[in-house]
Amino acid sequence: MNESTRQFVRSRAENCCEYCQLCQDDSPLAALHVEHIIPKKHGGVDDVNNLALACIDCKLHKGPNLTGLDPETGELCRLFHPREQKWEVHFKWLGIYVVGITAVGRTTVKVLDMNSNERIELRMTE
């Protein structure tokens, strides 16, 4: 992946994580990363339609996962796909907490641990 592709992804995401919405300015110690929505090990490619900007926590928790178990129903569910789905359809803010409002949202919040203690503390200082 070349630098112009990375810059395009950053610009498109307005320099914020496309999963938890953490902005680069609020993460001075760790740069946001361009990640493969569908990982290469599952056939994902470097095309901009398969790339998203992610904070280090979302990237590490997502890893090669494409799915998870919906914490409400226990059913297998696909994770949020920033190129195919709109954030506000699947998530909402409840104060400093990201809340999943669909199966996709709930599953993504759980798998990516979007409301970990560290993230809550970070949001409290924003």
N, C-alpha and C. Protein backbone atom coordinates (compact mmCIF):
# COMPACT_ATOMS: atom_id res chain seq x y z
N MET A 1 0.86 -1.17 0.00
CA MET A 1 0.00 0.00 0.00
C MET A 1 0.90 1.23 0.00
N ASN A 2 0.62 2.17 -0.89
CA ASN A 2 1.49 3.33 -1.00
C ASN A 2 1.01 4.48 -0.10
N GLU A 3 1.85 5.48 0.01
CA GLU A 3 1.57 6.62 0.91
C GLU A 3 0.35 7.42 0.45
N SER A 4 0.14 7.56 -0.85
CA SER A 4 -1.02 8.33 -1.31
C SER A 4 -2.32 7.61 -0.93
N THR A 5 -2.31 6.29 -0.93
CA THR A 5 -3.50 5.53 -0.49
C THR A 5 -3.73 5.77 0.99
N ARG A 6 -2.67 5.72 1.79
CA ARG A 6 -2.79 5.97 3.23
C ARG A 6 -3.34 7.37 3.50
N GLN A 7 -2.83 8.35 2.78
CA GLN A 7 -3.30 9.73 2.96
C GLN A 7 -4.77 9.87 2.55
N PHE A 8 -5.16 9.19 1.48
CA PHE A 8 -6.56 9.23 1.06
C PHE A 8 -7.47 8.68 2.16
N VAL A 9 -7.08 7.53 2.74
CA VAL A 9 -7.89 6.91 3.80
C VAL A 9 -7.98 7.83 5.01
N ARG A 10 -6.88 8.44 5.41
CA ARG A 10 -6.88 9.39 6.54
C ARG A 10 -7.80 10.56 6.27
N SER A 11 -7.69 11.11 5.08
CA SER A 11 -8.52 12.26 4.71
C SER A 11 -10.00 11.90 4.69
N ARG A 12 -10.32 10.78 4.08
CA ARG A 12 -11.71 10.34 3.99
C ARG A 12 -12.32 10.18 5.39
N ALA A 13 -11.52 9.66 6.33
CA ALA A 13 -11.99 9.43 7.70
C ALA A 13 -11.88 10.68 8.57
N GLU A 14 -11.42 11.76 7.98
CA GLU A 14 -11.22 13.01 8.72
C GLU A 14 -10.33 12.80 9.94
N ASN A 15 -9.34 11.92 9.78
CA ASN A 15 -8.34 11.62 10.80
C ASN A 15 -8.93 11.09 12.11
N CYS A 16 -10.05 10.36 11.99
CA CYS A 16 -10.69 9.74 13.15
C CYS A 16 -10.90 8.25 12.90
N CYS A 17 -10.86 7.47 13.96
CA CYS A 17 -11.11 6.04 13.85
C CYS A 17 -12.52 5.83 13.32
N GLU A 18 -12.65 4.99 12.32
CA GLU A 18 -13.95 4.75 11.71
C GLU A 18 -14.79 3.77 12.51
N TYR A 19 -14.24 3.23 13.58
CA TYR A 19 -14.99 2.33 14.45
C TYR A 19 -15.44 3.07 15.72
N CYS A 20 -14.51 3.53 16.54
CA CYS A 20 -14.89 4.17 17.81
C CYS A 20 -14.93 5.69 17.74
N GLN A 21 -14.50 6.26 16.64
CA GLN A 21 -14.51 7.70 16.37
C GLN A 21 -13.45 8.50 17.12
N LEU A 22 -12.46 7.85 17.71
CA LEU A 22 -11.35 8.55 18.35
C LEU A 22 -10.58 9.32 17.28
N CYS A 23 -10.35 10.60 17.51
CA CYS A 23 -9.61 11.42 16.55
C CYS A 23 -8.11 11.38 16.85
N GLN A 24 -7.32 11.53 15.81
CA GLN A 24 -5.87 11.49 15.97
C GLN A 24 -5.41 12.51 17.00
N ASP A 25 -6.00 13.69 17.04
CA ASP A 25 -5.60 14.71 18.00
C ASP A 25 -5.79 14.26 19.45
N ASP A 26 -6.71 13.33 19.67
CA ASP A 26 -6.97 12.82 21.03
C ASP A 26 -6.13 11.59 21.34
N SER A 27 -5.27 11.20 20.40
CA SER A 27 -4.40 10.03 20.57
C SER A 27 -2.97 10.41 20.20
N PRO A 28 -2.37 11.32 20.96
CA PRO A 28 -1.05 11.83 20.56
C PRO A 28 0.08 10.80 20.67
N LEU A 29 -0.10 9.76 21.47
CA LEU A 29 0.97 8.78 21.66
C LEU A 29 0.93 7.63 20.67
N ALA A 30 -0.20 7.45 20.01
CA ALA A 30 -0.33 6.33 19.07
C ALA A 30 -1.03 6.80 17.80
N ALA A 31 -0.36 6.63 16.68
CA ALA A 31 -0.94 7.03 15.40
C ALA A 31 -2.07 6.10 15.01
N LEU A 32 -3.11 6.66 14.41
CA LEU A 32 -4.16 5.83 13.85
C LEU A 32 -3.60 5.10 12.63
N HIS A 33 -4.08 3.88 12.38
CA HIS A 33 -3.54 3.02 11.34
C HIS A 33 -4.56 2.77 10.24
N VAL A 34 -4.07 2.60 9.04
CA VAL A 34 -4.91 2.14 7.95
C VAL A 34 -5.00 0.63 8.08
N GLU A 35 -6.22 0.12 8.17
CA GLU A 35 -6.40 -1.33 8.36
C GLU A 35 -7.29 -1.90 7.27
N HIS A 36 -7.14 -3.19 7.08
CA HIS A 36 -7.95 -3.91 6.10
C HIS A 36 -9.24 -4.34 6.78
N ILE A 37 -10.37 -3.89 6.25
CA ILE A 37 -11.67 -4.27 6.80
C ILE A 37 -11.83 -5.79 6.67
N ILE A 38 -11.60 -6.28 5.48
CA ILE A 38 -11.50 -7.73 5.28
C ILE A 38 -10.02 -8.02 5.20
N PRO A 39 -9.46 -8.67 6.22
CA PRO A 39 -8.01 -8.91 6.25
C PRO A 39 -7.51 -9.70 5.05
N LYS A 40 -6.25 -9.50 4.74
CA LYS A 40 -5.63 -10.19 3.62
C LYS A 40 -5.76 -11.71 3.76
N LYS A 41 -5.67 -12.22 4.98
CA LYS A 41 -5.75 -13.68 5.19
C LYS A 41 -7.12 -14.23 4.79
N HIS A 42 -8.11 -13.33 4.66
CA HIS A 42 -9.45 -13.74 4.22
C HIS A 42 -9.73 -13.27 2.80
N GLY A 43 -8.68 -12.87 2.08
CA GLY A 43 -8.84 -12.46 0.69
C GLY A 43 -8.98 -10.97 0.49
N GLY A 44 -8.83 -10.18 1.55
CA GLY A 44 -8.92 -8.73 1.44
C GLY A 44 -7.77 -8.17 0.62
N VAL A 45 -8.01 -7.03 0.01
CA VAL A 45 -7.02 -6.39 -0.86
C VAL A 45 -6.73 -4.98 -0.38
N ASP A 46 -5.74 -4.34 -1.01
CA ASP A 46 -5.34 -2.99 -0.64
C ASP A 46 -6.20 -1.89 -1.28
N ASP A 47 -7.28 -2.24 -1.89
CA ASP A 47 -8.18 -1.27 -2.51
C ASP A 47 -8.78 -0.35 -1.45
N VAL A 48 -8.97 0.92 -1.77
CA VAL A 48 -9.49 1.88 -0.79
C VAL A 48 -10.87 1.50 -0.26
N ASN A 49 -11.62 0.69 -0.99
CA ASN A 49 -12.93 0.25 -0.52
C ASN A 49 -12.84 -0.84 0.54
N ASN A 50 -11.62 -1.34 0.78
CA ASN A 50 -11.40 -2.34 1.82
C ASN A 50 -10.50 -1.80 2.94
N LEU A 51 -10.30 -0.50 2.95
CA LEU A 51 -9.43 0.11 3.94
C LEU A 51 -10.20 1.08 4.82
N ALA A 52 -9.83 1.10 6.10
CA ALA A 52 -10.43 2.02 7.06
C ALA A 52 -9.35 2.54 7.98
N LEU A 53 -9.58 3.70 8.56
CA LEU A 53 -8.67 4.24 9.55
C LEU A 53 -9.13 3.75 10.92
N ALA A 54 -8.20 3.22 11.70
CA ALA A 54 -8.55 2.65 13.00
C ALA A 54 -7.54 3.05 14.06
N CYS A 55 -8.02 3.31 15.26
CA CYS A 55 -7.12 3.55 16.38
C CYS A 55 -6.45 2.22 16.72
N ILE A 56 -5.40 2.29 17.49
CA ILE A 56 -4.63 1.09 17.81
C ILE A 56 -5.49 0.08 18.58
N ASP A 57 -6.37 0.55 19.47
CA ASP A 57 -7.21 -0.38 20.23
C ASP A 57 -8.19 -1.11 19.33
N CYS A 58 -8.88 -0.39 18.46
CA CYS A 58 -9.83 -1.05 17.55
C CYS A 58 -9.09 -2.02 16.63
N LYS A 59 -7.94 -1.58 16.11
CA LYS A 59 -7.18 -2.43 15.19
C LYS A 59 -6.74 -3.72 15.88
N LEU A 60 -6.21 -3.61 17.09
CA LEU A 60 -5.72 -4.79 17.79
C LEU A 60 -6.86 -5.73 18.20
N HIS A 61 -7.98 -5.18 18.63
CA HIS A 61 -9.10 -6.03 19.03
C HIS A 61 -9.78 -6.67 17.82
N LYS A 62 -9.86 -5.93 16.72
CA LYS A 62 -10.50 -6.49 15.53
C LYS A 62 -9.64 -7.59 14.94
N GLY A 63 -8.33 -7.33 14.83
CA GLY A 63 -7.44 -8.34 14.26
C GLY A 63 -8.00 -8.89 12.96
N PRO A 64 -7.97 -10.20 12.78
CA PRO A 64 -8.49 -10.80 11.55
C PRO A 64 -9.98 -11.13 11.63
N ASN A 65 -10.65 -10.71 12.71
CA ASN A 65 -12.07 -11.05 12.88
C ASN A 65 -12.95 -10.37 11.84
N LEU A 66 -13.90 -11.12 11.35
CA LEU A 66 -14.95 -10.60 10.47
C LEU A 66 -16.30 -10.64 11.16
N THR A 67 -16.40 -11.47 12.20
CA THR A 67 -17.66 -11.69 12.90
C THR A 67 -17.42 -11.80 14.41
N GLY A 68 -18.51 -11.87 15.14
CA GLY A 68 -18.48 -12.11 16.57
C GLY A 68 -19.86 -12.56 17.00
N LEU A 69 -20.02 -12.80 18.28
CA LEU A 69 -21.33 -13.20 18.80
C LEU A 69 -22.04 -11.98 19.35
N ASP A 70 -23.27 -11.77 18.89
CA ASP A 70 -24.10 -10.68 19.39
C ASP A 70 -24.33 -10.93 20.88
N PRO A 71 -23.93 -10.00 21.76
CA PRO A 71 -24.08 -10.23 23.19
C PRO A 71 -25.53 -10.33 23.65
N GLU A 72 -26.45 -9.84 22.84
CA GLU A 72 -27.87 -9.90 23.21
C GLU A 72 -28.52 -11.22 22.81
N THR A 73 -28.19 -11.71 21.62
CA THR A 73 -28.85 -12.92 21.11
C THR A 73 -27.96 -14.16 21.12
N GLY A 74 -26.65 -13.95 21.20
CA GLY A 74 -25.72 -15.07 21.13
C GLY A 74 -25.50 -15.59 19.73
N GLU A 75 -26.11 -14.94 18.74
CA GLU A 75 -25.97 -15.38 17.35
C GLU A 75 -24.73 -14.78 16.70
N LEU A 76 -24.16 -15.53 15.76
CA LEU A 76 -23.01 -15.05 15.01
C LEU A 76 -23.43 -13.87 14.14
N CYS A 77 -22.63 -12.82 14.15
CA CYS A 77 -22.99 -11.60 13.43
C CYS A 77 -21.73 -10.98 12.83
N ARG A 78 -21.86 -10.42 11.67
CA ARG A 78 -20.77 -9.72 11.00
C ARG A 78 -20.43 -8.44 11.76
N LEU A 79 -19.14 -8.06 11.74
CA LEU A 79 -18.72 -6.80 12.34
C LEU A 79 -19.06 -5.63 11.42
N PHE A 80 -19.08 -4.44 11.98
CA PHE A 80 -19.34 -3.21 11.24
C PHE A 80 -18.34 -3.06 10.10
N HIS A 81 -18.84 -2.69 8.93
CA HIS A 81 -18.02 -2.48 7.72
C HIS A 81 -18.14 -1.01 7.33
N PRO A 82 -17.12 -0.19 7.63
CA PRO A 82 -17.21 1.25 7.40
C PRO A 82 -17.47 1.68 5.96
N ARG A 83 -17.15 0.85 4.99
CA ARG A 83 -17.39 1.24 3.60
C ARG A 83 -18.81 0.90 3.15
N GLU A 84 -19.43 -0.06 3.78
CA GLU A 84 -20.76 -0.52 3.36
C GLU A 84 -21.88 -0.07 4.28
N GLN A 85 -21.54 0.35 5.49
CA GLN A 85 -22.56 0.68 6.49
C GLN A 85 -22.30 2.06 7.08
N LYS A 86 -23.36 2.69 7.55
CA LYS A 86 -23.26 4.01 8.18
C LYS A 86 -23.17 3.84 9.70
N TRP A 87 -22.22 4.56 10.30
CA TRP A 87 -21.97 4.46 11.73
C TRP A 87 -23.25 4.73 12.54
N GLU A 88 -23.95 5.79 12.19
CA GLU A 88 -25.11 6.21 12.98
C GLU A 88 -26.30 5.24 12.89
N VAL A 89 -26.28 4.33 11.95
CA VAL A 89 -27.33 3.31 11.87
C VAL A 89 -27.09 2.22 12.91
N HIS A 90 -25.84 1.98 13.23
CA HIS A 90 -25.47 0.86 14.09
C HIS A 90 -25.02 1.24 15.51
N PHE A 91 -24.68 2.52 15.69
CA PHE A 91 -24.16 2.99 16.98
C PHE A 91 -24.79 4.32 17.37
N LYS A 92 -24.72 4.60 18.66
CA LYS A 92 -25.06 5.93 19.16
C LYS A 92 -24.18 6.20 20.37
N TRP A 93 -24.11 7.45 20.71
CA TRP A 93 -23.38 7.85 21.92
C TRP A 93 -24.36 7.96 23.07
N LEU A 94 -24.01 7.40 24.20
CA LEU A 94 -24.75 7.55 25.45
C LEU A 94 -23.73 8.12 26.42
N GLY A 95 -23.65 9.46 26.43
CA GLY A 95 -22.59 10.12 27.18
C GLY A 95 -21.25 9.76 26.57
N ILE A 96 -20.39 9.12 27.35
CA ILE A 96 -19.05 8.74 26.87
C ILE A 96 -18.98 7.29 26.41
N TYR A 97 -20.13 6.64 26.33
CA TYR A 97 -20.18 5.23 25.92
C TYR A 97 -20.68 5.10 24.49
N VAL A 98 -20.05 4.21 23.74
CA VAL A 98 -20.54 3.84 22.41
C VAL A 98 -21.51 2.69 22.64
N VAL A 99 -22.73 2.84 22.13
CA VAL A 99 -23.76 1.82 22.31
C VAL A 99 -24.14 1.26 20.95
N GLY A 100 -24.15 -0.05 20.84
CA GLY A 100 -24.61 -0.70 19.62
C GLY A 100 -26.12 -0.75 19.61
N ILE A 101 -26.74 -0.28 18.54
CA ILE A 101 -28.21 -0.25 18.46
C ILE A 101 -28.76 -1.27 17.48
N THR A 102 -27.86 -2.05 16.89
CA THR A 102 -28.24 -3.16 16.03
C THR A 102 -27.36 -4.34 16.43
N ALA A 103 -27.64 -5.50 15.87
CA ALA A 103 -26.79 -6.66 16.14
C ALA A 103 -25.35 -6.38 15.70
N VAL A 104 -25.19 -5.76 14.54
CA VAL A 104 -23.86 -5.41 14.05
C VAL A 104 -23.17 -4.47 15.03
N GLY A 105 -23.88 -3.46 15.49
CA GLY A 105 -23.31 -2.50 16.43
C GLY A 105 -22.94 -3.15 17.75
N ARG A 106 -23.86 -3.92 18.32
CA ARG A 106 -23.58 -4.58 19.61
C ARG A 106 -22.38 -5.51 19.51
N THR A 107 -22.33 -6.27 18.43
CA THR A 107 -21.24 -7.21 18.23
C THR A 107 -19.91 -6.48 18.08
N THR A 108 -19.91 -5.42 17.32
CA THR A 108 -18.68 -4.66 17.09
C THR A 108 -18.21 -3.99 18.38
N VAL A 109 -19.12 -3.42 19.14
CA VAL A 109 -18.76 -2.80 20.42
C VAL A 109 -18.09 -3.84 21.33
N LYS A 110 -18.65 -5.05 21.34
CA LYS A 110 -18.10 -6.09 22.21
C LYS A 110 -16.75 -6.58 21.71
N VAL A 111 -16.66 -6.96 20.44
CA VAL A 111 -15.42 -7.53 19.91
C VAL A 111 -14.28 -6.51 19.96
N LEU A 112 -14.56 -5.26 19.64
CA LEU A 112 -13.53 -4.22 19.63
C LEU A 112 -13.33 -3.59 21.01
N ASP A 113 -14.10 -4.04 22.00
CA ASP A 113 -13.99 -3.56 23.38
C ASP A 113 -14.01 -2.03 23.42
N MET A 114 -14.98 -1.46 22.74
CA MET A 114 -15.05 -0.01 22.57
C MET A 114 -15.28 0.77 23.85
N ASN A 115 -15.73 0.12 24.90
CA ASN A 115 -15.98 0.82 26.16
C ASN A 115 -15.09 0.30 27.28
N SER A 116 -13.85 -0.04 26.92
CA SER A 116 -12.89 -0.48 27.93
C SER A 116 -12.62 0.66 28.92
N ASN A 117 -12.12 0.32 30.07
CA ASN A 117 -11.81 1.34 31.08
C ASN A 117 -10.88 2.41 30.54
N GLU A 118 -9.87 1.99 29.77
CA GLU A 118 -8.91 2.94 29.21
C GLU A 118 -9.59 3.92 28.25
N ARG A 119 -10.50 3.40 27.43
CA ARG A 119 -11.18 4.27 26.47
C ARG A 119 -12.13 5.23 27.18
N ILE A 120 -12.80 4.75 28.20
CA ILE A 120 -13.72 5.61 28.96
C ILE A 120 -12.92 6.74 29.62
N GLU A 121 -11.78 6.39 30.22
CA GLU A 121 -10.94 7.42 30.84
C GLU A 121 -10.47 8.44 29.82
N LEU A 122 -10.10 7.98 28.64
CA LEU A 122 -9.68 8.89 27.58
C LEU A 122 -10.81 9.82 27.16
N ARG A 123 -12.01 9.29 27.02
CA ARG A 123 -13.16 10.11 26.61
C ARG A 123 -13.53 11.12 27.69
N MET A 124 -13.28 10.78 28.94
CA MET A 124 -13.60 11.69 30.04
C MET A 124 -12.72 12.93 30.01
N THR A 125 -11.53 12.80 29.40
CA THR A 125 -10.60 13.92 29.35
C THR A 125 -10.76 14.76 28.09
N GLU A 126 -11.56 14.30 27.15
CA GLU A 126 -11.73 15.03 25.88
C GLU A 126 -12.53 16.29 26.09
